[in-house]
Amino acid sequence: MDIMDFIRRTSVSEFARYLDHTLLKPGATYKDLEKAIEDTRRYGFATLVVSPFMLKKAAEIAGGNIRLATVVGFPLGTVLTETKVFEVVRAAEVGAKEIDMVMNIQAFKSRDYGIVYKDIAGVVKTAKENGIEVVKVIIETGLLTEEEKIKATQLVIEGGADYVKTSTGFIAGGATLHDVSLLYKVGSNKIKVKAAGGIRHAIDAIAMIIAGASRIGTSTANKIIEEYITLKQSI
């Protein structure tokens, strides 16, 4: 399928469900949160991803009308597994239905794969036991070699997560079509792929989806969906 075929076949509401609208920049305010909630509600994005600190406020403002997600071990992934597990429990208590956790990159780079697996599996187990429905694991592809990307994806699968995610968007660049295609191939229908980091336009998001991404993480989902509406109207 090419980009034009995708646009013809995919409605605006269907496209919106590919997008995780994110509000994770350090300087985000409650006013920014209110707008992000309104945009998520208006367009029907898959989730609104906010910081753990903003999660309770988001739940209060949204009133259960949107699907909320938060991050765990973000953005470096190097906190202890016990800390990640605590973050998961608190996120579930506040109402998060999805979490995006960061793999322990230091352990991975040290080839301590047992620790990486236990970290992921521990978070996944706690999440599922506490009503969180989707766990995504960020492997930070910009820091990894080709072989490491493959190994990391295999560990995410073994750990029981639902998605392997390319990047935090804070470190070492963002998603590339090559990486999305690679992770999708390695996943072999055992896991989904989320592309994140530097995706700011509808055409870029569509290309990532065609390459194999089931979700797109972006802080500009509102602009992307507006661009998509324009593209739909032009064909």
Protein backbone atom coordinates (compact mmCIF):
# COMPACT_ATOMS: atom_id res chain seq x y z
CA MET A 1 0.00 0.00 0.00
CA ASP A 2 1.31 3.46 -0.86
CA ILE A 3 0.54 6.73 0.89
CA MET A 4 -2.28 7.74 -1.46
CA ASP A 5 -3.95 4.34 -1.12
CA PHE A 6 -3.72 4.65 2.67
CA ILE A 7 -5.37 8.07 2.61
CA ARG A 8 -8.17 6.84 0.36
CA ARG A 9 -8.88 3.79 2.52
CA THR A 10 -8.45 5.26 5.99
CA SER A 11 -11.03 7.59 7.51
CA VAL A 12 -10.03 10.50 9.72
CA SER A 13 -11.36 8.73 12.81
CA GLU A 14 -9.47 5.54 11.92
CA PHE A 15 -6.26 7.50 11.43
CA ALA A 16 -6.73 9.30 14.75
CA ARG A 17 -6.72 5.94 16.54
CA TYR A 18 -3.14 5.38 15.41
CA LEU A 19 -1.99 8.45 17.33
CA ASP A 20 -0.82 8.67 20.93
CA HIS A 21 -0.94 12.38 21.71
CA THR A 22 1.92 13.10 24.12
CA LEU A 23 2.47 15.87 26.64
CA LEU A 24 5.83 15.09 28.20
CA LYS A 25 7.92 18.21 27.71
CA PRO A 26 9.38 19.41 31.04
CA GLY A 27 7.81 22.86 30.79
CA ALA A 28 4.24 21.66 30.18
CA THR A 29 1.61 23.47 32.25
CA TYR A 30 -1.93 22.72 33.40
CA LYS A 31 -3.13 24.96 30.58
CA ASP A 32 -1.23 22.81 28.09
CA LEU A 33 -2.80 19.76 29.69
CA GLU A 34 -6.31 21.15 29.29
CA LYS A 35 -5.71 21.76 25.58
CA ALA A 36 -4.19 18.31 25.10
CA ILE A 37 -7.23 16.71 26.75
CA GLU A 38 -9.60 18.73 24.57
CA ASP A 39 -7.66 17.80 21.41
CA THR A 40 -7.66 14.12 22.40
CA ARG A 41 -11.39 14.19 23.06
CA ARG A 42 -12.17 16.18 19.91
CA TYR A 43 -10.22 14.03 17.47
CA GLY A 44 -10.45 10.65 19.20
CA PHE A 45 -6.76 9.89 19.56
CA ALA A 46 -5.82 6.45 20.88
CA THR A 47 -4.46 7.89 24.12
CA LEU A 48 -3.16 11.00 25.79
CA VAL A 49 0.27 10.24 27.26
CA VAL A 50 1.24 12.44 30.20
CA SER A 51 3.89 12.44 32.91
CA PRO A 52 3.18 10.59 36.16
CA PHE A 53 2.84 13.96 37.87
CA MET A 54 0.21 15.16 35.38
CA LEU A 55 -1.74 11.90 35.36
CA LYS A 56 -4.02 12.57 38.33
CA LYS A 57 -4.80 16.08 37.11
CA ALA A 58 -5.52 14.71 33.65
CA ALA A 59 -7.92 12.13 35.08
CA GLU A 60 -9.73 14.83 37.06
CA ILE A 61 -10.11 17.14 34.07
CA ALA A 62 -10.95 14.44 31.52
CA GLY A 63 -13.53 12.75 33.73
CA GLY A 64 -13.09 9.37 32.10
CA ASN A 65 -13.86 10.61 28.59
CA ILE A 66 -10.45 9.83 27.10
CA ARG A 67 -7.95 6.99 27.40
CA LEU A 68 -4.95 7.99 29.52
CA ALA A 69 -1.41 6.65 29.44
CA THR A 70 1.77 7.52 31.29
CA VAL A 71 5.47 6.75 31.26
CA VAL A 72 7.55 4.55 33.56
CA GLY A 73 11.28 4.83 34.17
CA PHE A 74 11.26 7.78 31.80
CA PRO A 75 13.36 8.89 29.99
CA LEU A 76 16.55 6.94 30.82
CA GLY A 77 15.19 3.60 31.96
CA THR A 78 17.86 3.16 34.59
CA VAL A 79 15.81 3.35 37.77
CA LEU A 80 15.44 0.14 39.73
CA THR A 81 12.75 -2.34 38.75
CA GLU A 82 11.15 -1.80 42.17
CA THR A 83 10.78 1.87 41.31
CA LYS A 84 9.22 1.09 37.96
CA VAL A 85 6.80 -1.33 39.58
CA PHE A 86 5.79 1.34 42.12
CA GLU A 87 5.19 3.79 39.29
CA VAL A 88 2.98 1.23 37.56
CA VAL A 89 0.86 0.63 40.66
CA ARG A 90 0.34 4.34 41.24
CA ALA A 91 -0.48 4.90 37.56
CA ALA A 92 -3.11 2.18 37.71
CA GLU A 93 -4.63 3.69 40.85
CA VAL A 94 -5.07 7.02 39.08
CA GLY A 95 -6.63 5.43 35.99
CA ALA A 96 -3.94 4.88 33.35
CA LYS A 97 -4.86 2.15 30.89
CA GLU A 98 -1.54 2.10 29.06
CA ILE A 99 2.09 2.64 30.04
CA ASP A 100 5.23 3.32 28.04
CA MET A 101 8.23 2.04 30.00
CA VAL A 102 11.89 2.56 29.14
CA MET A 103 14.10 -0.51 28.91
CA ASN A 104 17.15 -0.54 31.20
CA ILE A 105 19.58 0.58 28.52
CA GLN A 106 22.66 0.42 30.74
CA ALA A 107 21.94 -3.20 31.61
CA PHE A 108 21.25 -3.96 27.97
CA LYS A 109 24.47 -2.33 26.77
CA SER A 110 26.31 -4.36 29.43
CA ARG A 111 24.71 -7.49 27.93
CA ASP A 112 23.07 -8.27 31.25
CA TYR A 113 20.03 -9.56 29.42
CA GLY A 114 18.65 -11.38 32.45
CA ILE A 115 18.22 -8.06 34.24
CA VAL A 116 16.61 -6.50 31.16
CA TYR A 117 14.16 -9.38 30.86
CA LYS A 118 13.25 -9.35 34.56
CA ASP A 119 12.76 -5.58 34.43
CA ILE A 120 10.32 -5.82 31.54
CA ALA A 121 8.56 -8.92 32.82
CA GLY A 122 8.17 -7.42 36.29
CA VAL A 123 6.55 -4.30 34.94
CA VAL A 124 4.29 -6.24 32.59
CA LYS A 125 3.13 -8.60 35.35
CA THR A 126 2.36 -5.74 37.72
CA ALA A 127 0.59 -3.77 35.00
CA LYS A 128 -1.70 -6.63 34.01
CA GLU A 129 -2.48 -7.46 37.65
CA ASN A 130 -3.53 -3.86 38.25
CA GLY A 131 -5.77 -3.32 35.24
CA ILE A 132 -3.36 -1.66 32.85
CA GLU A 133 -4.21 -3.11 29.48
CA VAL A 134 -1.26 -2.18 27.25
CA VAL A 135 2.47 -2.07 27.99
CA LYS A 136 4.90 -0.54 25.50
CA VAL A 137 8.66 -0.85 25.96
CA ILE A 138 10.96 1.87 24.63
CA ILE A 139 14.29 0.46 23.48
CA GLU A 140 15.86 3.77 22.29
CA THR A 141 16.91 2.60 18.83
CA GLY A 142 19.20 5.61 18.33
CA LEU A 143 21.58 4.13 20.90
CA LEU A 144 21.57 0.60 19.47
CA THR A 145 23.32 -1.26 16.69
CA GLU A 146 21.31 -3.30 14.20
CA GLU A 147 22.01 -6.50 16.14
CA GLU A 148 21.09 -4.81 19.42
CA LYS A 149 17.75 -3.63 18.01
CA ILE A 150 16.94 -7.22 17.11
CA LYS A 151 18.00 -8.55 20.51
CA ALA A 152 16.11 -5.83 22.37
CA THR A 153 12.91 -6.58 20.45
CA GLN A 154 13.27 -10.27 21.26
CA LEU A 155 13.62 -9.44 24.96
CA VAL A 156 10.53 -7.24 24.84
CA ILE A 157 8.60 -10.12 23.30
CA GLU A 158 9.89 -12.56 25.93
CA GLY A 159 8.96 -10.12 28.67
CA GLY A 160 5.33 -10.21 27.57
CA ALA A 161 4.87 -6.59 26.51
CA ASP A 162 2.34 -5.54 23.88
CA TYR A 163 4.49 -3.09 21.93
CA VAL A 164 8.13 -2.39 21.22
CA LYS A 165 8.65 1.36 20.85
CA THR A 166 11.48 3.04 19.00
CA SER A 167 12.36 6.09 21.09
CA THR A 168 11.59 8.45 23.92
CA GLY A 169 12.16 11.42 21.63
CA PHE A 170 14.45 12.90 24.27
CA ILE A 171 17.67 11.00 23.46
CA ALA A 172 19.66 9.98 20.38
CA GLY A 173 17.17 10.95 17.69
CA GLY A 174 13.78 9.48 16.91
CA ALA A 175 12.00 6.94 14.76
CA THR A 176 13.19 5.97 11.30
CA LEU A 177 11.40 3.98 8.62
CA HIS A 178 14.25 1.49 8.65
CA ASP A 179 13.94 0.86 12.38
CA VAL A 180 10.17 0.54 12.27
CA SER A 181 10.42 -1.94 9.41
CA LEU A 182 13.11 -3.90 11.26
CA LEU A 183 11.19 -4.07 14.54
CA TYR A 184 8.04 -5.09 12.68
CA LYS A 185 9.90 -7.88 10.91
CA VAL A 186 11.53 -9.14 14.10
CA GLY A 187 8.18 -8.95 15.90
CA SER A 188 6.67 -11.47 13.47
CA ASN A 189 3.11 -10.72 14.66
CA LYS A 190 4.15 -11.49 18.25
CA ILE A 191 4.31 -7.82 19.18
CA LYS A 192 3.21 -4.49 17.78
CA VAL A 193 5.43 -1.52 16.96
CA LYS A 194 5.10 2.06 18.15
CA ALA A 195 7.09 4.72 16.32
CA ALA A 196 7.97 7.85 18.28
CA GLY A 197 10.42 10.70 18.16
CA GLY A 198 10.47 13.43 15.53
CA ILE A 199 7.18 12.54 13.81
CA ARG A 200 5.54 15.90 13.16
CA HIS A 201 3.65 15.61 9.86
CA ALA A 202 0.84 13.44 8.54
CA ILE A 203 2.88 12.11 5.62
CA ASP A 204 5.62 10.97 8.01
CA ALA A 205 3.09 9.26 10.27
CA ILE A 206 1.47 7.48 7.34
CA ALA A 207 4.85 6.25 6.11
CA MET A 208 5.61 4.84 9.57
CA ILE A 209 2.25 3.04 9.63
CA ILE A 210 2.85 1.54 6.19
CA ALA A 211 6.30 0.41 7.40
CA GLY A 212 4.67 -1.51 10.24
CA ALA A 213 3.79 0.84 13.11
CA SER A 214 0.47 0.27 14.86
CA ARG A 215 0.86 3.41 16.97
CA ILE A 216 2.51 6.77 16.47
CA GLY A 217 3.74 8.77 19.45
CA THR A 218 3.82 12.50 18.82
CA SER A 219 3.49 15.79 20.66
CA THR A 220 1.87 17.33 17.56
CA ALA A 221 -1.03 14.92 17.02
CA ASN A 222 -3.42 17.85 16.63
CA LYS A 223 -1.40 19.26 13.73
CA ILE A 224 -0.93 15.84 12.17
CA ILE A 225 -4.66 15.09 12.19
CA GLU A 226 -5.44 18.52 10.73
CA GLU A 227 -2.94 17.85 7.94
CA TYR A 228 -4.59 14.48 7.38
CA ILE A 229 -8.01 16.07 7.08
CA THR A 230 -6.61 18.40 4.41
CA LEU A 231 -5.06 15.45 2.57
CA LYS A 232 -8.39 13.59 2.64
CA GLN A 233 -10.18 16.59 1.25
CA SER A 234 -7.66 16.96 -1.59
CA ILE A 235 -8.24 13.51 -3.13
